[in-house]
Protein backbone atom coordinates (compact mmCIF):
# COMPACT_ATOMS: atom_id res chain seq x y z
CA MET A 1 -159.59 43.28 67.31
CA SER A 2 -157.72 40.28 68.78
CA PRO A 3 -157.69 40.89 72.70
CA LYS A 4 -154.65 39.59 73.36
CA THR A 5 -152.51 41.23 70.75
CA GLY A 6 -154.74 44.04 69.22
CA THR A 7 -154.70 42.57 65.47
CA ASP A 8 -158.06 42.62 63.65
CA HIS A 9 -158.34 38.98 62.94
CA PRO A 10 -158.91 35.77 65.46
CA GLU A 11 -155.15 34.66 65.38
CA VAL A 12 -156.18 31.00 64.87
CA ILE A 13 -153.30 28.30 65.07
CA ALA A 14 -153.03 27.70 61.37
CA PHE A 15 -154.68 28.15 58.14
CA PRO A 16 -157.91 26.08 58.23
CA PRO A 17 -157.32 24.03 55.23
CA LEU A 18 -154.03 22.44 56.64
CA PHE A 19 -155.44 21.20 59.27
CA PHE A 20 -157.40 19.04 57.01
CA PHE A 21 -154.31 18.51 54.42
CA GLY A 22 -152.22 17.25 57.40
CA CYS A 23 -155.30 14.18 58.72
CA ALA A 24 -155.62 13.47 55.11
CA THR A 25 -152.02 12.56 54.53
CA ALA A 26 -151.69 10.80 58.26
CA SER A 27 -154.62 9.14 57.49
CA ALA A 28 -154.25 7.73 54.22
CA LEU A 29 -150.61 6.58 55.08
CA LEU A 30 -152.06 5.01 58.16
CA GLN A 31 -154.66 3.12 56.49
CA HIS A 32 -151.72 1.86 53.50
CA PHE A 33 -150.03 -0.24 56.40
CA PHE A 34 -152.54 -0.72 58.24
CA PRO A 35 -156.22 -1.02 56.04
CA LEU A 36 -159.52 -1.92 57.78
CA PRO A 37 -161.91 -2.10 55.06
CA ILE A 38 -165.39 -0.65 55.68
CA MET A 39 -167.29 -2.84 52.67
CA ARG A 40 -167.55 -3.71 49.57
CA CYS A 41 -165.34 -0.83 47.36
CA SER A 42 -168.20 0.07 44.48
CA ALA A 43 -170.53 1.02 47.54
CA SER A 44 -167.80 2.59 49.46
CA LEU A 45 -166.72 4.39 46.55
CA SER A 46 -170.57 5.80 45.83
CA ILE A 47 -170.66 6.88 49.41
CA GLY A 48 -167.48 8.75 48.54
CA LEU A 49 -168.76 10.55 45.68
CA VAL A 50 -171.95 12.00 47.54
CA LEU A 51 -169.83 13.03 50.42
CA ALA A 52 -167.58 14.80 48.71
CA ALA A 53 -169.92 16.51 46.46
CA GLY A 54 -171.94 17.48 49.29
CA SER A 55 -168.73 19.13 50.69
CA GLY A 56 -167.74 21.02 47.89
CA ALA A 57 -171.23 22.26 47.25
CA LEU A 58 -171.27 23.21 51.06
CA ALA A 59 -167.74 25.37 50.85
CA LEU A 60 -168.54 26.75 47.65
CA TRP A 61 -172.37 27.95 48.91
CA ALA A 62 -170.61 29.18 52.40
CA ARG A 63 -167.89 30.75 50.53
CA SER A 64 -170.24 32.74 48.01
CA VAL A 65 -172.26 33.68 50.51
CA MET A 66 -169.73 35.03 52.59
CA LYS A 67 -168.50 37.30 49.46
CA ALA A 68 -171.86 38.96 48.46
CA GLY A 69 -171.71 39.33 51.94
CA GLY A 70 -168.94 41.88 51.99
CA THR A 71 -166.73 39.91 54.64
CA ASN A 72 -163.36 38.01 54.60
CA ILE A 73 -162.90 34.32 53.86
CA ARG A 74 -159.37 33.88 55.03
CA PRO A 75 -159.55 33.53 59.07
CA ASP A 76 -156.17 35.89 59.01
CA ARG A 77 -158.03 38.93 58.02
CA PRO A 78 -160.70 41.07 59.34
CA ALA A 79 -163.89 39.80 59.94
CA LEU A 80 -165.96 42.93 58.31
CA LYS A 81 -169.56 41.15 58.50
CA ILE A 82 -171.72 38.81 60.41
CA VAL A 83 -172.93 36.86 57.75
CA THR A 84 -176.25 34.98 58.87
CA THR A 85 -177.76 33.50 55.17
CA GLY A 86 -176.82 30.50 53.21
CA PRO A 87 -175.61 27.46 54.92
CA PHE A 88 -175.07 30.22 58.02
CA ARG A 89 -178.56 29.63 58.84
CA PHE A 90 -178.09 25.70 59.98
CA THR A 91 -174.15 26.40 60.96
CA ARG A 92 -172.02 28.79 62.02
CA ASN A 93 -168.78 27.17 60.84
CA PRO A 94 -170.01 25.44 56.95
CA LEU A 95 -166.50 25.31 55.96
CA TYR A 96 -165.07 23.51 58.59
CA LEU A 97 -168.01 21.53 58.47
CA SER A 98 -167.22 20.85 54.36
CA LEU A 99 -163.51 19.87 55.36
CA CYS A 100 -164.82 17.06 58.20
CA LEU A 101 -167.03 15.86 55.23
CA LEU A 102 -164.33 15.74 53.02
CA GLN A 103 -162.20 13.85 55.56
CA LEU A 104 -165.04 10.90 55.39
CA ALA A 105 -165.41 11.23 52.10
CA LEU A 106 -161.49 10.17 51.42
CA GLY A 107 -162.04 7.18 53.87
CA PHE A 108 -165.21 6.00 51.73
CA PHE A 109 -162.95 6.41 48.40
CA LEU A 110 -159.96 4.38 50.15
CA ASN A 111 -162.84 1.68 51.68
CA ASP A 112 -161.23 1.96 55.38
CA TRP A 113 -161.76 3.01 58.54
CA ILE A 114 -158.33 4.81 59.08
CA PRO A 115 -159.34 8.02 57.48
CA ILE A 116 -162.63 7.79 58.56
CA LEU A 117 -161.97 7.46 62.13
CA PHE A 118 -159.13 10.93 61.64
CA ALA A 119 -162.61 13.19 61.01
CA ILE A 120 -162.71 13.23 65.15
CA PRO A 121 -159.02 14.62 65.92
CA LEU A 122 -159.67 17.08 62.74
CA ALA A 123 -163.34 18.54 64.16
CA LEU A 124 -161.08 18.65 67.44
CA MET A 125 -158.50 20.52 65.72
CA PHE A 126 -160.73 22.58 63.92
CA HIS A 127 -162.52 23.49 67.56
CA PHE A 128 -159.70 24.43 69.57
CA GLY A 129 -157.38 25.41 67.21
CA VAL A 130 -159.95 27.67 64.75
CA VAL A 131 -163.84 27.81 66.03
CA LEU A 132 -162.88 28.85 70.08
CA ARG A 133 -160.49 31.66 68.84
CA GLU A 134 -162.88 33.08 66.10
CA GLU A 135 -165.88 32.73 68.20
CA SER A 136 -164.02 35.09 71.23
CA TYR A 137 -162.84 37.22 68.69
CA LEU A 138 -166.00 37.39 67.15
CA GLU A 139 -167.70 38.08 70.24
CA SER A 140 -165.50 40.94 71.00
CA LYS A 141 -165.63 42.60 67.86
CA PHE A 142 -169.47 42.11 67.05
CA GLY A 143 -170.93 42.30 70.78
CA GLU A 144 -174.34 41.76 70.85
CA GLU A 145 -174.68 41.07 67.18
CA TYR A 146 -172.84 37.50 66.71
CA LEU A 147 -174.15 36.86 70.43
CA SER A 148 -177.40 36.90 69.02
CA PHE A 149 -176.41 35.15 65.95
CA LYS A 150 -174.65 31.96 68.80
CA ARG A 151 -178.47 31.70 70.08
CA GLN A 152 -179.86 31.25 66.91
CA VAL A 153 -177.51 28.94 65.04
CA ARG A 154 -176.14 25.91 66.15
CA ARG A 155 -172.15 25.78 66.16
CA TRP A 156 -171.84 22.73 63.84
CA LEU A 157 -174.67 20.84 63.10
């Protein structure tokens, strides 16, 4: 239960993909008006494709492991279990990491520094608006089980 209101979810500021869509849209618009090219377009596109594929693979892996583990994927629903398998062995936040990778991929697709730099505010929004709230919620709900998981697995990488 969330200590503030008694609801059984972490009370994140907004649905996490909205942070990504906001950053992706803002950065794409800004780069259109103030282009800051990175490199040759063909090399940049190749890097973007690799990052996008990695992002998608990480997101699908995390999602399938959470479903198989019997917990909710959406942060506006109760966490039912602590998942410690799959990508959760390496990072406590693979879904948010995948969206940050997708933001980087957008920068390489557009061959521009502005979308790449927007990965920084995106990560900060996830950290302060989602991750810290989820961690507090999971600590209060699962206690030592979650604290042990935190000691063993990094928050991001």
